[in-house]
Amino acid sequence: MQQLRREVEAASGRYAAERITISARMTDVFEPKALAGTLDGLGGEFDGVAVVALDHPRVREAIDRLATTGTSVVTLVSDMPGAGRAHYVGIDN
């Protein structure tokens, strides 16, 4: 996860000249209430969100809320096909 964060930070620098803002937010992905709260706090702030998320009803609902506001959500590592995510990036077992 630290390597993924470093890559996100590096991408932020590469895309700044194109007026694309990339930001990383850290939260406890194993605590559904905290993760859902973090996701809810992103509504309206970003066009897209990529999240490593625990499959939990609160988290699915937070993803659905983001999607209904027009924010594209991509799940990383762990998929949640029942949620309103746009795409999944990870291993296809």
PDB file of N, CA and C in Angstrom:
ATOM      1  N   MET A   1       0.815  -1.194   0.000  1.00  0.00           N
ATOM      2  CA  MET A   1       0.000   0.000   0.000  1.00  0.00           C
ATOM      3  C   MET A   1       0.863   1.264   0.000  1.00  0.00           C
ATOM      4  N   GLN A   2       2.009   1.199   0.666  1.00  0.00           N
ATOM      5  CA  GLN A   2       2.900   2.368   0.665  1.00  0.00           C
ATOM      6  C   GLN A   2       3.435   2.635  -0.739  1.00  0.00           C
ATOM      7  N   GLN A   3       3.740   1.571  -1.487  1.00  0.00           N
ATOM      8  CA  GLN A   3       4.215   1.733  -2.865  1.00  0.00           C
ATOM      9  C   GLN A   3       3.113   2.337  -3.734  1.00  0.00           C
ATOM     10  N   LEU A   4       1.895   1.883  -3.544  1.00  0.00           N
ATOM     11  CA  LEU A   4       0.768   2.443  -4.292  1.00  0.00           C
ATOM     12  C   LEU A   4       0.623   3.933  -3.983  1.00  0.00           C
ATOM     13  N   ARG A   5       0.732   4.302  -2.717  1.00  0.00           N
ATOM     14  CA  ARG A   5       0.652   5.718  -2.345  1.00  0.00           C
ATOM     15  C   ARG A   5       1.774   6.525  -3.009  1.00  0.00           C
ATOM     16  N   ARG A   6       3.004   5.969  -3.022  1.00  0.00           N
ATOM     17  CA  ARG A   6       4.117   6.677  -3.676  1.00  0.00           C
ATOM     18  C   ARG A   6       3.837   6.871  -5.166  1.00  0.00           C
ATOM     19  N   GLU A   7       3.258   5.881  -5.810  1.00  0.00           N
ATOM     20  CA  GLU A   7       2.941   6.004  -7.236  1.00  0.00           C
ATOM     21  C   GLU A   7       1.857   7.052  -7.474  1.00  0.00           C
ATOM     22  N   VAL A   8       0.879   7.117  -6.583  1.00  0.00           N
ATOM     23  CA  VAL A   8      -0.162   8.143  -6.694  1.00  0.00           C
ATOM     24  C   VAL A   8       0.458   9.524  -6.543  1.00  0.00           C
ATOM     25  N   GLU A   9       1.340   9.680  -5.585  1.00  0.00           N
ATOM     26  CA  GLU A   9       2.003  10.967  -5.389  1.00  0.00           C
ATOM     27  C   GLU A   9       2.863  11.336  -6.595  1.00  0.00           C
ATOM     28  N   ALA A  10       3.551  10.354  -7.182  1.00  0.00           N
ATOM     29  CA  ALA A  10       4.355  10.623  -8.376  1.00  0.00           C
ATOM     30  C   ALA A  10       3.466  11.032  -9.551  1.00  0.00           C
ATOM     31  N   ALA A  11       2.324  10.366  -9.708  1.00  0.00           N
ATOM     32  CA  ALA A  11       1.391  10.712 -10.782  1.00  0.00           C
ATOM     33  C   ALA A  11       0.855  12.124 -10.590  1.00  0.00           C
ATOM     34  N   SER A  12       0.647  12.512  -9.351  1.00  0.00           N
ATOM     35  CA  SER A  12       0.165  13.856  -9.066  1.00  0.00           C
ATOM     36  C   SER A  12       1.113  14.903  -9.641  1.00  0.00           C
ATOM     37  N   GLY A  13       2.394  14.685  -9.458  1.00  0.00           N
ATOM     38  CA  GLY A  13       3.389  15.607  -9.999  1.00  0.00           C
ATOM     39  C   GLY A  13       3.407  15.622 -11.514  1.00  0.00           C
ATOM     40  N   ARG A  14       3.268  14.449 -12.120  1.00  0.00           N
ATOM     41  CA  ARG A  14       3.301  14.352 -13.581  1.00  0.00           C
ATOM     42  C   ARG A  14       2.109  15.042 -14.230  1.00  0.00           C
ATOM     43  N   TYR A  15       0.949  14.991 -13.598  1.00  0.00           N
ATOM     44  CA  TYR A  15      -0.258  15.524 -14.216  1.00  0.00           C
ATOM     45  C   TYR A  15      -0.599  16.954 -13.810  1.00  0.00           C
ATOM     46  N   ALA A  16       0.145  17.537 -12.911  1.00  0.00           N
ATOM     47  CA  ALA A  16      -0.144  18.897 -12.439  1.00  0.00           C
ATOM     48  C   ALA A  16      -0.132  19.906 -13.583  1.00  0.00           C
ATOM     49  N   ALA A  17       0.770  19.750 -14.528  1.00  0.00           N
ATOM     50  CA  ALA A  17       0.852  20.684 -15.653  1.00  0.00           C
ATOM     51  C   ALA A  17      -0.398  20.632 -16.533  1.00  0.00           C
ATOM     52  N   GLU A  18      -1.123  19.522 -16.470  1.00  0.00           N
ATOM     53  CA  GLU A  18      -2.349  19.376 -17.257  1.00  0.00           C
ATOM     54  C   GLU A  18      -3.593  19.756 -16.451  1.00  0.00           C
ATOM     55  N   ARG A  19      -3.360  20.389 -15.293  1.00  0.00           N
ATOM     56  CA  ARG A  19      -4.425  20.837 -14.405  1.00  0.00           C
ATOM     57  C   ARG A  19      -5.287  19.681 -13.903  1.00  0.00           C
ATOM     58  N   ILE A  20      -4.639  18.530 -13.693  1.00  0.00           N
ATOM     59  CA  ILE A  20      -5.299  17.372 -13.103  1.00  0.00           C
ATOM     60  C   ILE A  20      -4.765  17.231 -11.685  1.00  0.00           C
ATOM     61  N   THR A  21      -5.671  17.202 -10.740  1.00  0.00           N
ATOM     62  CA  THR A  21      -5.292  17.082  -9.341  1.00  0.00           C
ATOM     63  C   THR A  21      -5.518  15.653  -8.874  1.00  0.00           C
ATOM     64  N   ILE A  22      -4.489  15.075  -8.308  1.00  0.00           N
ATOM     65  CA  ILE A  22      -4.567  13.726  -7.754  1.00  0.00           C
ATOM     66  C   ILE A  22      -4.203  13.826  -6.283  1.00  0.00           C
ATOM     67  N   SER A  23      -5.032  13.245  -5.441  1.00  0.00           N
ATOM     68  CA  SER A  23      -4.829  13.319  -4.007  1.00  0.00           C
ATOM     69  C   SER A  23      -5.020  11.942  -3.391  1.00  0.00           C
ATOM     70  N   ALA A  24      -4.226  11.633  -2.381  1.00  0.00           N
ATOM     71  CA  ALA A  24      -4.374  10.366  -1.655  1.00  0.00           C
ATOM     72  C   ALA A  24      -4.870  10.661  -0.252  1.00  0.00           C
ATOM     73  N   ARG A  25      -5.857   9.931   0.162  1.00  0.00           N
ATOM     74  CA  ARG A  25      -6.390  10.044   1.517  1.00  0.00           C
ATOM     75  C   ARG A  25      -6.216   8.697   2.195  1.00  0.00           C
ATOM     76  N   MET A  26      -5.678   8.704   3.373  1.00  0.00           N
ATOM     77  CA  MET A  26      -5.488   7.467   4.125  1.00  0.00           C
ATOM     78  C   MET A  26      -6.599   7.333   5.158  1.00  0.00           C
ATOM     79  N   THR A  27      -7.121   6.126   5.296  1.00  0.00           N
ATOM     80  CA  THR A  27      -8.139   5.838   6.291  1.00  0.00           C
ATOM     81  C   THR A  27      -8.040   4.364   6.658  1.00  0.00           C
ATOM     82  N   ASP A  28      -8.708   3.965   7.689  1.00  0.00           N
ATOM     83  CA  ASP A  28      -8.693   2.569   8.120  1.00  0.00           C
ATOM     84  C   ASP A  28      -9.681   1.779   7.272  1.00  0.00           C
ATOM     85  N   VAL A  29      -9.176   1.027   6.294  1.00  0.00           N
ATOM     86  CA  VAL A  29     -10.058   0.288   5.392  1.00  0.00           C
ATOM     87  C   VAL A  29     -10.703  -0.915   6.060  1.00  0.00           C
ATOM     88  N   PHE A  30     -10.249  -1.274   7.249  1.00  0.00           N
ATOM     89  CA  PHE A  30     -10.842  -2.399   7.972  1.00  0.00           C
ATOM     90  C   PHE A  30     -11.903  -1.947   8.979  1.00  0.00           C
ATOM     91  N   GLU A  31     -12.161  -0.643   9.028  1.00  0.00           N
ATOM     92  CA  GLU A  31     -13.195  -0.093   9.904  1.00  0.00           C
ATOM     93  C   GLU A  31     -14.264   0.539   9.014  1.00  0.00           C
ATOM     94  N   PRO A  32     -15.367  -0.191   8.767  1.00  0.00           N
ATOM     95  CA  PRO A  32     -16.378   0.282   7.809  1.00  0.00           C
ATOM     96  C   PRO A  32     -16.898   1.687   8.071  1.00  0.00           C
ATOM     97  N   LYS A  33     -17.125   2.047   9.338  1.00  0.00           N
ATOM     98  CA  LYS A  33     -17.650   3.379   9.651  1.00  0.00           C
ATOM     99  C   LYS A  33     -16.655   4.459   9.246  1.00  0.00           C
ATOM    100  N   ALA A  34     -15.381   4.245   9.538  1.00  0.00           N
ATOM    101  CA  ALA A  34     -14.342   5.226   9.184  1.00  0.00           C
ATOM    102  C   ALA A  34     -14.196   5.335   7.671  1.00  0.00           C
ATOM    103  N   LEU A  35     -14.171   4.201   6.986  1.00  0.00           N
ATOM    104  CA  LEU A  35     -14.017   4.214   5.529  1.00  0.00           C
ATOM    105  C   LEU A  35     -15.220   4.885   4.866  1.00  0.00           C
ATOM    106  N   ALA A  36     -16.432   4.539   5.307  1.00  0.00           N
ATOM    107  CA  ALA A  36     -17.631   5.161   4.742  1.00  0.00           C
ATOM    108  C   ALA A  36     -17.608   6.676   4.989  1.00  0.00           C
ATOM    109  N   GLY A  37     -17.168   7.094   6.166  1.00  0.00           N
ATOM    110  CA  GLY A  37     -17.074   8.517   6.465  1.00  0.00           C
ATOM    111  C   GLY A  37     -16.088   9.236   5.565  1.00  0.00           C
ATOM    112  N   THR A  38     -14.956   8.596   5.308  1.00  0.00           N
ATOM    113  CA  THR A  38     -13.972   9.186   4.401  1.00  0.00           C
ATOM    114  C   THR A  38     -14.548   9.317   3.004  1.00  0.00           C
ATOM    115  N   LEU A  39     -15.210   8.269   2.518  1.00  0.00           N
ATOM    116  CA  LEU A  39     -15.811   8.313   1.182  1.00  0.00           C
ATOM    117  C   LEU A  39     -16.894   9.379   1.111  1.00  0.00           C
ATOM    118  N   ASP A  40     -17.723   9.468   2.146  1.00  0.00           N
ATOM    119  CA  ASP A  40     -18.777  10.488   2.154  1.00  0.00           C
ATOM    120  C   ASP A  40     -18.176  11.895   2.120  1.00  0.00           C
ATOM    121  N   GLY A  41     -17.029  12.078   2.716  1.00  0.00           N
ATOM    122  CA  GLY A  41     -16.376  13.380   2.724  1.00  0.00           C
ATOM    123  C   GLY A  41     -15.806  13.793   1.376  1.00  0.00           C
ATOM    124  N   LEU A  42     -15.754  12.866   0.424  1.00  0.00           N
ATOM    125  CA  LEU A  42     -15.202  13.164  -0.894  1.00  0.00           C
ATOM    126  C   LEU A  42     -16.258  13.623  -1.891  1.00  0.00           C
ATOM    127  N   GLY A  43     -17.517  13.468  -1.554  1.00  0.00           N
ATOM    128  CA  GLY A  43     -18.592  13.810  -2.471  1.00  0.00           C
ATOM    129  C   GLY A  43     -18.507  15.240  -2.961  1.00  0.00           C
ATOM    130  N   GLY A  44     -18.543  15.409  -4.267  1.00  0.00           N
ATOM    131  CA  GLY A  44     -18.494  16.729  -4.862  1.00  0.00           C
ATOM    132  C   GLY A  44     -17.110  17.326  -4.968  1.00  0.00           C
ATOM    133  N   GLU A  45     -16.118  16.689  -4.376  1.00  0.00           N
ATOM    134  CA  GLU A  45     -14.757  17.222  -4.397  1.00  0.00           C
ATOM    135  C   GLU A  45     -13.944  16.689  -5.580  1.00  0.00           C
ATOM    136  N   PHE A  46     -14.253  15.466  -6.032  1.00  0.00           N
ATOM    137  CA  PHE A  46     -13.484  14.820  -7.092  1.00  0.00           C
ATOM    138  C   PHE A  46     -14.403  14.260  -8.168  1.00  0.00           C
ATOM    139  N   ASP A  47     -13.878  14.175  -9.383  1.00  0.00           N
ATOM    140  CA  ASP A  47     -14.620  13.538 -10.474  1.00  0.00           C
ATOM    141  C   ASP A  47     -14.550  12.020 -10.363  1.00  0.00           C
ATOM    142  N   GLY A  48     -13.458  11.522  -9.785  1.00  0.00           N
ATOM    143  CA  GLY A  48     -13.284  10.081  -9.657  1.00  0.00           C
ATOM    144  C   GLY A  48     -12.564   9.730  -8.373  1.00  0.00           C
ATOM    145  N   VAL A  49     -12.856   8.546  -7.871  1.00  0.00           N
ATOM    146  CA  VAL A  49     -12.248   8.046  -6.646  1.00  0.00           C
ATOM    147  C   VAL A  49     -11.845   6.596  -6.880  1.00  0.00           C
ATOM    148  N   ALA A  50     -10.618   6.260  -6.501  1.00  0.00           N
ATOM    149  CA  ALA A  50     -10.166   4.866  -6.498  1.00  0.00           C
ATOM    150  C   ALA A  50     -10.007   4.478  -5.038  1.00  0.00           C
ATOM    151  N   VAL A  51     -10.537   3.312  -4.678  1.00  0.00           N
ATOM    152  CA  VAL A  51     -10.556   2.937  -3.271  1.00  0.00           C
ATOM    153  C   VAL A  51     -10.219   1.463  -3.080  1.00  0.00           C
ATOM    154  N   VAL A  52      -9.375   1.211  -2.098  1.00  0.00           N
ATOM    155  CA  VAL A  52      -9.156  -0.143  -1.603  1.00  0.00           C
ATOM    156  C   VAL A  52     -10.122  -0.278  -0.446  1.00  0.00           C
ATOM    157  N   ALA A  53     -11.119  -1.141  -0.593  1.00  0.00           N
ATOM    158  CA  ALA A  53     -12.210  -1.111   0.366  1.00  0.00           C
ATOM    159  C   ALA A  53     -12.627  -2.492   0.846  1.00  0.00           C
ATOM    160  N   LEU A  54     -13.006  -2.535   2.091  1.00  0.00           N
ATOM    161  CA  LEU A  54     -13.604  -3.700   2.712  1.00  0.00           C
ATOM    162  C   LEU A  54     -15.038  -3.818   2.208  1.00  0.00           C
ATOM    163  N   ASP A  55     -15.440  -5.023   1.803  1.00  0.00           N
ATOM    164  CA  ASP A  55     -16.805  -5.237   1.333  1.00  0.00           C
ATOM    165  C   ASP A  55     -17.728  -5.301   2.546  1.00  0.00           C
ATOM    166  N   HIS A  56     -18.443  -4.208   2.768  1.00  0.00           N
ATOM    167  CA  HIS A  56     -19.324  -4.067   3.922  1.00  0.00           C
ATOM    168  C   HIS A  56     -20.513  -3.205   3.495  1.00  0.00           C
ATOM    169  N   PRO A  57     -21.711  -3.441   4.043  1.00  0.00           N
ATOM    170  CA  PRO A  57     -22.877  -2.646   3.636  1.00  0.00           C
ATOM    171  C   PRO A  57     -22.671  -1.127   3.737  1.00  0.00           C
ATOM    172  N   ARG A  58     -22.062  -0.650   4.813  1.00  0.00           N
ATOM    173  CA  ARG A  58     -21.831   0.803   4.953  1.00  0.00           C
ATOM    174  C   ARG A  58     -20.941   1.338   3.838  1.00  0.00           C
ATOM    175  N   VAL A  59     -19.928   0.562   3.487  1.00  0.00           N
ATOM    176  CA  VAL A  59     -18.994   0.993   2.437  1.00  0.00           C
ATOM    177  C   VAL A  59     -19.687   0.959   1.084  1.00  0.00           C
ATOM    178  N   ARG A  60     -20.454  -0.101   0.817  1.00  0.00           N
ATOM    179  CA  ARG A  60     -21.206  -0.164  -0.444  1.00  0.00           C
ATOM    180  C   ARG A  60     -22.156   1.027  -0.563  1.00  0.00           C
ATOM    181  N   GLU A  61     -22.836   1.361   0.524  1.00  0.00           N
ATOM    182  CA  GLU A  61     -23.753   2.506   0.503  1.00  0.00           C
ATOM    183  C   GLU A  61     -23.012   3.815   0.240  1.00  0.00           C
ATOM    184  N   ALA A  62     -21.834   3.976   0.823  1.00  0.00           N
ATOM    185  CA  ALA A  62     -21.033   5.193   0.587  1.00  0.00           C
ATOM    186  C   ALA A  62     -20.590   5.263  -0.871  1.00  0.00           C
ATOM    187  N   ILE A  63     -20.199   4.136  -1.436  1.00  0.00           N
ATOM    188  CA  ILE A  63     -19.829   4.100  -2.861  1.00  0.00           C
ATOM    189  C   ILE A  63     -21.037   4.444  -3.717  1.00  0.00           C
ATOM    190  N   ASP A  64     -22.186   3.894  -3.381  1.00  0.00           N
ATOM    191  CA  ASP A  64     -23.411   4.212  -4.126  1.00  0.00           C
ATOM    192  C   ASP A  64     -23.735   5.702  -4.061  1.00  0.00           C
ATOM    193  N   ARG A  65     -23.555   6.307  -2.882  1.00  0.00           N
ATOM    194  CA  ARG A  65     -23.825   7.750  -2.751  1.00  0.00           C
ATOM    195  C   ARG A  65     -22.885   8.558  -3.637  1.00  0.00           C
ATOM    196  N   LEU A  66     -21.607   8.179  -3.669  1.00  0.00           N
ATOM    197  CA  LEU A  66     -20.662   8.874  -4.549  1.00  0.00           C
ATOM    198  C   LEU A  66     -21.093   8.739  -6.002  1.00  0.00           C
ATOM    199  N   ALA A  67     -21.463   7.533  -6.392  1.00  0.00           N
ATOM    200  CA  ALA A  67     -21.851   7.282  -7.787  1.00  0.00           C
ATOM    201  C   ALA A  67     -23.085   8.095  -8.176  1.00  0.00           C
ATOM    202  N   THR A  68     -24.039   8.241  -7.265  1.00  0.00           N
ATOM    203  CA  THR A  68     -25.252   9.002  -7.599  1.00  0.00           C
ATOM    204  C   THR A  68     -24.979  10.493  -7.751  1.00  0.00           C
ATOM    205  N   THR A  69     -23.859  10.969  -7.196  1.00  0.00           N
ATOM    206  CA  THR A  69     -23.512  12.382  -7.364  1.00  0.00           C
ATOM    207  C   THR A  69     -22.665  12.611  -8.614  1.00  0.00           C
ATOM    208  N   GLY A  70     -22.417  11.531  -9.379  1.00  0.00           N
ATOM    209  CA  GLY A  70     -21.638  11.658 -10.606  1.00  0.00           C
ATOM    210  C   GLY A  70     -20.164  11.387 -10.440  1.00  0.00           C
ATOM    211  N   THR A  71     -19.740  10.962  -9.260  1.00  0.00           N
ATOM    212  CA  THR A  71     -18.337  10.624  -9.031  1.00  0.00           C
ATOM    213  C   THR A  71     -18.103   9.178  -9.449  1.00  0.00           C
ATOM    214  N   SER A  72     -17.179   8.968 -10.376  1.00  0.00           N
ATOM    215  CA  SER A  72     -16.842   7.607 -10.792  1.00  0.00           C
ATOM    216  C   SER A  72     -15.990   6.954  -9.711  1.00  0.00           C
ATOM    217  N   VAL A  73     -16.343   5.730  -9.344  1.00  0.00           N
ATOM    218  CA  VAL A  73     -15.616   5.011  -8.304  1.00  0.00           C
ATOM    219  C   VAL A  73     -15.010   3.753  -8.905  1.00  0.00           C
ATOM    220  N   VAL A  74     -13.723   3.564  -8.651  1.00  0.00           N
ATOM    221  CA  VAL A  74     -13.001   2.369  -9.066  1.00  0.00           C
ATOM    222  C   VAL A  74     -12.531   1.659  -7.813  1.00  0.00           C
ATOM    223  N   THR A  75     -12.853   0.380  -7.701  1.00  0.00           N
ATOM    224  CA  THR A  75     -12.359  -0.400  -6.570  1.00  0.00           C
ATOM    225  C   THR A  75     -11.039  -1.037  -6.967  1.00  0.00           C
ATOM    226  N   LEU A  76     -10.097  -1.026  -6.026  1.00  0.00           N
ATOM    227  CA  LEU A  76      -8.772  -1.605  -6.246  1.00  0.00           C
ATOM    228  C   LEU A  76      -8.581  -2.783  -5.303  1.00  0.00           C
ATOM    229  N   VAL A  77      -7.951  -3.828  -5.779  1.00  0.00           N
ATOM    230  CA  VAL A  77      -7.572  -5.006  -5.013  1.00  0.00           C
ATOM    231  C   VAL A  77      -8.780  -5.876  -4.679  1.00  0.00           C
ATOM    232  N   SER A  78      -9.812  -5.312  -4.068  1.00  0.00           N
ATOM    233  CA  SER A  78     -10.998  -6.055  -3.662  1.00  0.00           C
ATOM    234  C   SER A  78     -12.210  -5.481  -4.386  1.00  0.00           C
ATOM    235  N   ASP A  79     -12.932  -6.328  -5.111  1.00  0.00           N
ATOM    236  CA  ASP A  79     -14.068  -5.852  -5.889  1.00  0.00           C
ATOM    237  C   ASP A  79     -15.346  -5.841  -5.059  1.00  0.00           C
ATOM    238  N   MET A  80     -16.261  -4.970  -5.452  1.00  0.00           N
ATOM    239  CA  MET A  80     -17.596  -4.920  -4.865  1.00  0.00           C
ATOM    240  C   MET A  80     -18.613  -4.793  -5.995  1.00  0.00           C
ATOM    241  N   PRO A  81     -18.864  -5.897  -6.697  1.00  0.00           N
ATOM    242  CA  PRO A  81     -19.759  -5.808  -7.853  1.00  0.00           C
ATOM    243  C   PRO A  81     -21.178  -5.359  -7.513  1.00  0.00           C
ATOM    244  N   GLY A  82     -21.614  -5.506  -6.253  1.00  0.00           N
ATOM    245  CA  GLY A  82     -22.945  -5.077  -5.855  1.00  0.00           C
ATOM    246  C   GLY A  82     -23.049  -3.588  -5.611  1.00  0.00           C
ATOM    247  N   ALA A  83     -21.925  -2.915  -5.568  1.00  0.00           N
ATOM    248  CA  ALA A  83     -21.917  -1.468  -5.328  1.00  0.00           C
ATOM    249  C   ALA A  83     -21.947  -0.722  -6.656  1.00  0.00           C
ATOM    250  N   GLY A  84     -22.143   0.579  -6.586  1.00  0.00           N
ATOM    251  CA  GLY A  84     -22.233   1.398  -7.793  1.00  0.00           C
ATOM    252  C   GLY A  84     -20.890   1.794  -8.361  1.00  0.00           C
ATOM    253  N   ARG A  85     -19.886   0.968  -8.174  1.00  0.00           N
ATOM    254  CA  ARG A  85     -18.564   1.285  -8.707  1.00  0.00           C
ATOM    255  C   ARG A  85     -18.589   1.186 -10.236  1.00  0.00           C
ATOM    256  N   ALA A  86     -17.741   1.986 -10.874  1.00  0.00           N
ATOM    257  CA  ALA A  86     -17.672   1.995 -12.333  1.00  0.00           C
ATOM    258  C   ALA A  86     -16.791   0.864 -12.855  1.00  0.00           C
ATOM    259  N   HIS A  87     -15.692   0.590 -12.146  1.00  0.00           N
ATOM    260  CA  HIS A  87     -14.739  -0.427 -12.591  1.00  0.00           C
ATOM    261  C   HIS A  87     -14.049  -1.054 -11.389  1.00  0.00           C
ATOM    262  N   TYR A  88     -13.405  -2.165 -11.658  1.00  0.00           N
ATOM    263  CA  TYR A  88     -12.574  -2.851 -10.667  1.00  0.00           C
ATOM    264  C   TYR A  88     -11.204  -3.084 -11.295  1.00  0.00           C
ATOM    265  N   VAL A  89     -10.142  -2.844 -10.526  1.00  0.00           N
ATOM    266  CA  VAL A  89      -8.774  -3.116 -10.965  1.00  0.00           C
ATOM    267  C   VAL A  89      -8.148  -4.041  -9.936  1.00  0.00           C
ATOM    268  N   GLY A  90      -7.772  -5.228 -10.367  1.00  0.00           N
ATOM    269  CA  GLY A  90      -7.166  -6.189  -9.468  1.00  0.00           C
ATOM    270  C   GLY A  90      -7.150  -7.560 -10.087  1.00  0.00           C
ATOM    271  N   ILE A  91      -6.851  -8.550  -9.282  1.00  0.00           N
ATOM    272  CA  ILE A  91      -6.758  -9.923  -9.756  1.00  0.00           C
ATOM    273  C   ILE A  91      -8.146 -10.489  -9.990  1.00  0.00           C
ATOM    274  N   ASP A  92      -8.308 -11.173 -11.119  1.00  0.00           N
ATOM    275  CA  ASP A  92      -9.573 -11.831 -11.445  1.00  0.00           C
ATOM    276  C   ASP A  92      -9.399 -13.332 -11.194  1.00  0.00           C
ATOM    277  N   ASN A  93      -9.819 -13.759 -10.012  1.00  0.00           N
ATOM    278  CA  ASN A  93      -9.683 -15.168  -9.666  1.00  0.00           C
ATOM    279  C   ASN A  93     -10.679 -16.014 -10.435  1.00  0.00           C
TER     280      ASN A  93
END
